[in-house]
Amino acid sequence: MKIINNRQIVEDSWQTVDDETSIEQLPSGKIIVPLAFWNNHKQALTARDDELGIKLNPEDDVADIAADLASFTLIVLQFPAFRDGRAYSQARNLRQHHGYQGEIRASGNVLRDQLAFMERVGFNSFEIDEHQDINDAINAFDEVSVKYQASSDQSLPLYKRRTA
């Protein structure tokens, strides 16, 4: 599957593990585990040599993994519906309140029209719905040329940038 990562179309190299997988069945390589799986197998997962990602649902509190952020190369945040914006808050909290510098991926109902806004709050990786043109989705990042508010991608609001 192809994804957008840092505004580039790349092949996704991660494998997703579900709650039903036993620790002995884990594939080698980069894996993404659900929060419950992480909580149940934290010690075994941190002992692995491969990169680790975690998938959070909108109702999960990022503060629950704040002490473990160094263990994750990737954090996947779910958008079950386009009108569910809780993952925006999760991404912003990860970047601004917890200082997470790794990859934050938007997954689920990720629409082209939302990509620029997702990037502003801290997302840098996107799983584009298979019914959308991923090549066209890249154009969404530059459609808004002037951003007034401060955000994770611009620390100063426009009025302060103009006077600086």
C-alpha atoms as a PDB file:
ATOM      1  CA  MET A   1       0.000   0.000   0.000  1.00  0.00           C
ATOM      2  CA  LYS A   2       1.223   3.491  -0.801  1.00  0.00           C
ATOM      3  CA  ILE A   3       1.057   6.296   1.752  1.00  0.00           C
ATOM      4  CA  ILE A   4       2.098   9.932   1.911  1.00  0.00           C
ATOM      5  CA  ASN A   5       5.031  10.484   4.256  1.00  0.00           C
ATOM      6  CA  ASN A   6       6.538  13.963   4.604  1.00  0.00           C
ATOM      7  CA  ARG A   7       4.757  15.017   1.393  1.00  0.00           C
ATOM      8  CA  GLN A   8       6.233  12.127  -0.593  1.00  0.00           C
ATOM      9  CA  ILE A   9       4.396   9.066  -1.924  1.00  0.00           C
ATOM     10  CA  VAL A  10       6.130   5.991  -0.528  1.00  0.00           C
ATOM     11  CA  GLU A  11       5.450   2.305  -0.043  1.00  0.00           C
ATOM     12  CA  ASP A  12       4.241   1.498   3.480  1.00  0.00           C
ATOM     13  CA  SER A  13       6.788  -0.784   5.166  1.00  0.00           C
ATOM     14  CA  TRP A  14       4.843  -1.368   8.388  1.00  0.00           C
ATOM     15  CA  GLN A  15       2.798  -4.437   9.354  1.00  0.00           C
ATOM     16  CA  THR A  16      -0.230  -4.096  11.601  1.00  0.00           C
ATOM     17  CA  VAL A  17      -0.801  -6.564  14.423  1.00  0.00           C
ATOM     18  CA  ASP A  18      -4.239  -7.050  15.985  1.00  0.00           C
ATOM     19  CA  ASP A  19      -5.233  -7.888  19.559  1.00  0.00           C
ATOM     20  CA  GLU A  20      -5.720 -11.559  18.625  1.00  0.00           C
ATOM     21  CA  THR A  21      -2.044 -12.072  17.754  1.00  0.00           C
ATOM     22  CA  SER A  22       0.067 -13.798  20.368  1.00  0.00           C
ATOM     23  CA  ILE A  23       3.487 -12.445  21.226  1.00  0.00           C
ATOM     24  CA  GLU A  24       5.025 -15.589  19.689  1.00  0.00           C
ATOM     25  CA  GLN A  25       3.276 -14.896  16.351  1.00  0.00           C
ATOM     26  CA  LEU A  26       4.713 -11.418  15.871  1.00  0.00           C
ATOM     27  CA  PRO A  27       6.236 -10.963  12.424  1.00  0.00           C
ATOM     28  CA  SER A  28       9.766  -9.688  12.082  1.00  0.00           C
ATOM     29  CA  GLY A  29      10.253  -6.144  10.887  1.00  0.00           C
ATOM     30  CA  LYS A  30       8.379  -2.962  11.713  1.00  0.00           C
ATOM     31  CA  ILE A  31       5.045  -3.577  13.442  1.00  0.00           C
ATOM     32  CA  ILE A  32       2.127  -1.448  14.609  1.00  0.00           C
ATOM     33  CA  VAL A  33       0.297  -2.688  17.696  1.00  0.00           C
ATOM     34  CA  PRO A  34      -2.961  -1.540  19.294  1.00  0.00           C
ATOM     35  CA  LEU A  35      -2.803   0.190  22.689  1.00  0.00           C
ATOM     36  CA  ALA A  36      -4.234  -2.842  24.519  1.00  0.00           C
ATOM     37  CA  PHE A  37      -1.582  -5.107  22.966  1.00  0.00           C
ATOM     38  CA  TRP A  38       1.122  -2.653  24.057  1.00  0.00           C
ATOM     39  CA  ASN A  39      -0.239  -2.563  27.598  1.00  0.00           C
ATOM     40  CA  ASN A  40      -0.324  -6.389  27.780  1.00  0.00           C
ATOM     41  CA  HIS A  41       3.106  -7.052  26.212  1.00  0.00           C
ATOM     42  CA  LYS A  42       5.175  -3.932  26.871  1.00  0.00           C
ATOM     43  CA  GLN A  43       8.260  -5.750  28.135  1.00  0.00           C
ATOM     44  CA  ALA A  44       8.417  -8.227  25.243  1.00  0.00           C
ATOM     45  CA  LEU A  45       7.800  -5.488  22.659  1.00  0.00           C
ATOM     46  CA  THR A  46      10.556  -3.228  23.975  1.00  0.00           C
ATOM     47  CA  ALA A  47      12.990  -6.179  23.916  1.00  0.00           C
ATOM     48  CA  ARG A  48      12.586  -6.518  20.129  1.00  0.00           C
ATOM     49  CA  ASP A  49      15.228  -5.070  17.811  1.00  0.00           C
ATOM     50  CA  ASP A  50      12.722  -3.913  15.173  1.00  0.00           C
ATOM     51  CA  GLU A  51      10.960  -0.549  15.042  1.00  0.00           C
ATOM     52  CA  LEU A  52       7.656  -0.315  16.873  1.00  0.00           C
ATOM     53  CA  GLY A  53       4.510   1.679  16.173  1.00  0.00           C
ATOM     54  CA  ILE A  54       1.310   2.023  18.162  1.00  0.00           C
ATOM     55  CA  LYS A  55      -2.257   2.578  16.979  1.00  0.00           C
ATOM     56  CA  LEU A  56      -4.546   4.752  19.062  1.00  0.00           C
ATOM     57  CA  ASN A  57      -8.305   5.014  18.716  1.00  0.00           C
ATOM     58  CA  PRO A  58      -9.999   8.413  19.108  1.00  0.00           C
ATOM     59  CA  GLU A  59     -11.116   7.617  22.658  1.00  0.00           C
ATOM     60  CA  ASP A  60      -7.556   6.754  23.805  1.00  0.00           C
ATOM     61  CA  ASP A  61      -5.724   9.338  25.882  1.00  0.00           C
ATOM     62  CA  VAL A  62      -2.212  10.099  24.612  1.00  0.00           C
ATOM     63  CA  ALA A  63      -1.178  10.814  28.202  1.00  0.00           C
ATOM     64  CA  ASP A  64      -1.439   7.048  28.797  1.00  0.00           C
ATOM     65  CA  ILE A  65       1.617   6.483  26.569  1.00  0.00           C
ATOM     66  CA  ALA A  66       3.495   9.708  27.339  1.00  0.00           C
ATOM     67  CA  ALA A  67       6.127   7.923  29.453  1.00  0.00           C
ATOM     68  CA  ASP A  68       6.658   5.362  26.662  1.00  0.00           C
ATOM     69  CA  LEU A  69       6.941   7.701  23.642  1.00  0.00           C
ATOM     70  CA  ALA A  70      10.632   6.912  23.152  1.00  0.00           C
ATOM     71  CA  SER A  71       9.617   3.308  22.365  1.00  0.00           C
ATOM     72  CA  PHE A  72       7.619   4.306  19.282  1.00  0.00           C
ATOM     73  CA  THR A  73       8.925   5.284  15.869  1.00  0.00           C
ATOM     74  CA  LEU A  74       5.343   5.663  14.608  1.00  0.00           C
ATOM     75  CA  ILE A  75       2.015   6.592  16.180  1.00  0.00           C
ATOM     76  CA  VAL A  76      -1.095   5.905  14.108  1.00  0.00           C
ATOM     77  CA  LEU A  77      -4.186   7.962  14.950  1.00  0.00           C
ATOM     78  CA  GLN A  78      -7.572   6.819  13.712  1.00  0.00           C
ATOM     79  CA  PHE A  79     -10.235   8.843  11.900  1.00  0.00           C
ATOM     80  CA  PRO A  80     -13.319   6.577  11.972  1.00  0.00           C
ATOM     81  CA  ALA A  81     -15.369   9.273  10.198  1.00  0.00           C
ATOM     82  CA  PHE A  82     -14.416  12.583   8.593  1.00  0.00           C
ATOM     83  CA  ARG A  83     -16.465  14.477  11.162  1.00  0.00           C
ATOM     84  CA  ASP A  84     -14.631  12.880  14.113  1.00  0.00           C
ATOM     85  CA  GLY A  85     -11.802  15.280  14.902  1.00  0.00           C
ATOM     86  CA  ARG A  86     -10.453  13.794  18.118  1.00  0.00           C
ATOM     87  CA  ALA A  87      -7.277  12.619  16.346  1.00  0.00           C
ATOM     88  CA  TYR A  88      -6.469  16.283  15.572  1.00  0.00           C
ATOM     89  CA  SER A  89      -6.288  16.924  19.319  1.00  0.00           C
ATOM     90  CA  GLN A  90      -4.272  13.759  19.894  1.00  0.00           C
ATOM     91  CA  ALA A  91      -1.683  14.793  17.292  1.00  0.00           C
ATOM     92  CA  ARG A  92      -1.422  18.306  18.679  1.00  0.00           C
ATOM     93  CA  ASN A  93      -1.001  16.975  22.219  1.00  0.00           C
ATOM     94  CA  LEU A  94       1.703  14.559  21.103  1.00  0.00           C
ATOM     95  CA  ARG A  95       3.689  17.313  19.384  1.00  0.00           C
ATOM     96  CA  GLN A  96       3.162  20.320  21.636  1.00  0.00           C
ATOM     97  CA  HIS A  97       2.584  18.896  25.100  1.00  0.00           C
ATOM     98  CA  HIS A  98       4.638  15.703  24.982  1.00  0.00           C
ATOM     99  CA  GLY A  99       7.352  16.733  22.496  1.00  0.00           C
ATOM    100  CA  TYR A 100       6.977  13.663  20.276  1.00  0.00           C
ATOM    101  CA  GLN A 101       9.238  14.019  17.213  1.00  0.00           C
ATOM    102  CA  GLY A 102       8.523  10.731  15.415  1.00  0.00           C
ATOM    103  CA  GLU A 103       6.069   9.907  12.667  1.00  0.00           C
ATOM    104  CA  ILE A 104       2.379  10.559  13.318  1.00  0.00           C
ATOM    105  CA  ARG A 105       0.135   8.897  10.757  1.00  0.00           C
ATOM    106  CA  ALA A 106      -3.515   9.654   9.985  1.00  0.00           C
ATOM    107  CA  SER A 107      -5.466   6.484   9.218  1.00  0.00           C
ATOM    108  CA  GLY A 108      -9.075   5.692   8.427  1.00  0.00           C
ATOM    109  CA  ASN A 109     -11.345   8.242   6.802  1.00  0.00           C
ATOM    110  CA  VAL A 110      -8.537  10.571   5.686  1.00  0.00           C
ATOM    111  CA  LEU A 111      -9.771  13.000   3.047  1.00  0.00           C
ATOM    112  CA  ARG A 112      -7.747  15.131   0.659  1.00  0.00           C
ATOM    113  CA  ASP A 113      -9.425  18.329   1.867  1.00  0.00           C
ATOM    114  CA  GLN A 114      -8.203  17.730   5.410  1.00  0.00           C
ATOM    115  CA  LEU A 115      -4.528  16.978   4.719  1.00  0.00           C
ATOM    116  CA  ALA A 116      -3.213  20.527   5.108  1.00  0.00           C
ATOM    117  CA  PHE A 117      -5.066  20.939   8.407  1.00  0.00           C
ATOM    118  CA  MET A 118      -3.814  17.576   9.640  1.00  0.00           C
ATOM    119  CA  GLU A 119      -0.259  18.560   8.804  1.00  0.00           C
ATOM    120  CA  ARG A 120      -0.636  21.812  10.755  1.00  0.00           C
ATOM    121  CA  VAL A 121      -1.449  19.971  13.990  1.00  0.00           C
ATOM    122  CA  GLY A 122       1.411  17.516  13.655  1.00  0.00           C
ATOM    123  CA  PHE A 123       0.596  14.704  11.235  1.00  0.00           C
ATOM    124  CA  ASN A 124       3.384  13.927   8.778  1.00  0.00           C
ATOM    125  CA  SER A 125       2.137  10.628   7.360  1.00  0.00           C
ATOM    126  CA  PHE A 126      -1.218   9.814   5.755  1.00  0.00           C
ATOM    127  CA  GLU A 127      -3.040   6.699   4.608  1.00  0.00           C
ATOM    128  CA  ILE A 128      -5.163   7.932   1.732  1.00  0.00           C
ATOM    129  CA  ASP A 129      -8.436   6.132   1.060  1.00  0.00           C
ATOM    130  CA  GLU A 130      -8.111   3.805  -1.944  1.00  0.00           C
ATOM    131  CA  HIS A 131     -10.994   5.620  -3.686  1.00  0.00           C
ATOM    132  CA  GLN A 132      -8.966   8.845  -3.785  1.00  0.00           C
ATOM    133  CA  ASP A 133      -6.113   9.697  -6.122  1.00  0.00           C
ATOM    134  CA  ILE A 134      -2.972   9.757  -3.967  1.00  0.00           C
ATOM    135  CA  ASN A 135      -1.088  11.746  -6.627  1.00  0.00           C
ATOM    136  CA  ASP A 136      -3.752  14.459  -6.523  1.00  0.00           C
ATOM    137  CA  ALA A 137      -3.786  14.406  -2.719  1.00  0.00           C
ATOM    138  CA  ILE A 138      -0.192  15.688  -2.661  1.00  0.00           C
ATOM    139  CA  ASN A 139      -1.464  18.980  -4.128  1.00  0.00           C
ATOM    140  CA  ALA A 140      -3.652  19.597  -1.073  1.00  0.00           C
ATOM    141  CA  PHE A 141      -0.706  20.609   1.092  1.00  0.00           C
ATOM    142  CA  ASP A 142       0.022  23.770  -0.879  1.00  0.00           C
ATOM    143  CA  GLU A 143      -3.505  24.947  -1.620  1.00  0.00           C
ATOM    144  CA  VAL A 144      -3.611  27.172   1.458  1.00  0.00           C
ATOM    145  CA  SER A 145      -0.784  29.650   0.927  1.00  0.00           C
ATOM    146  CA  VAL A 146      -1.228  31.914   3.969  1.00  0.00           C
ATOM    147  CA  LYS A 147      -1.760  30.551   7.459  1.00  0.00           C
ATOM    148  CA  TYR A 148      -2.825  33.081  10.071  1.00  0.00           C
ATOM    149  CA  GLN A 149      -2.627  31.020  13.241  1.00  0.00           C
ATOM    150  CA  ALA A 150       0.388  29.586  14.990  1.00  0.00           C
ATOM    151  CA  SER A 151       0.537  25.795  14.949  1.00  0.00           C
ATOM    152  CA  SER A 152       2.980  22.894  15.152  1.00  0.00           C
ATOM    153  CA  ASP A 153       4.328  23.740  11.693  1.00  0.00           C
ATOM    154  CA  GLN A 154       4.625  27.522  12.332  1.00  0.00           C
ATOM    155  CA  SER A 155       5.228  28.800  15.855  1.00  0.00           C
ATOM    156  CA  LEU A 156       4.357  32.449  15.147  1.00  0.00           C
ATOM    157  CA  PRO A 157       0.999  33.829  14.005  1.00  0.00           C
ATOM    158  CA  LEU A 158       0.990  35.871  10.788  1.00  0.00           C
ATOM    159  CA  TYR A 159       0.933  39.281  12.457  1.00  0.00           C
ATOM    160  CA  LYS A 160       4.158  38.443  14.361  1.00  0.00           C
ATOM    161  CA  ARG A 161       5.841  37.055  11.249  1.00  0.00           C
ATOM    162  CA  ARG A 162       5.086  40.283   9.366  1.00  0.00           C
ATOM    163  CA  THR A 163       6.633  42.465  12.090  1.00  0.00           C
ATOM    164  CA  ALA A 164       9.690  40.282  12.610  1.00  0.00           C
END
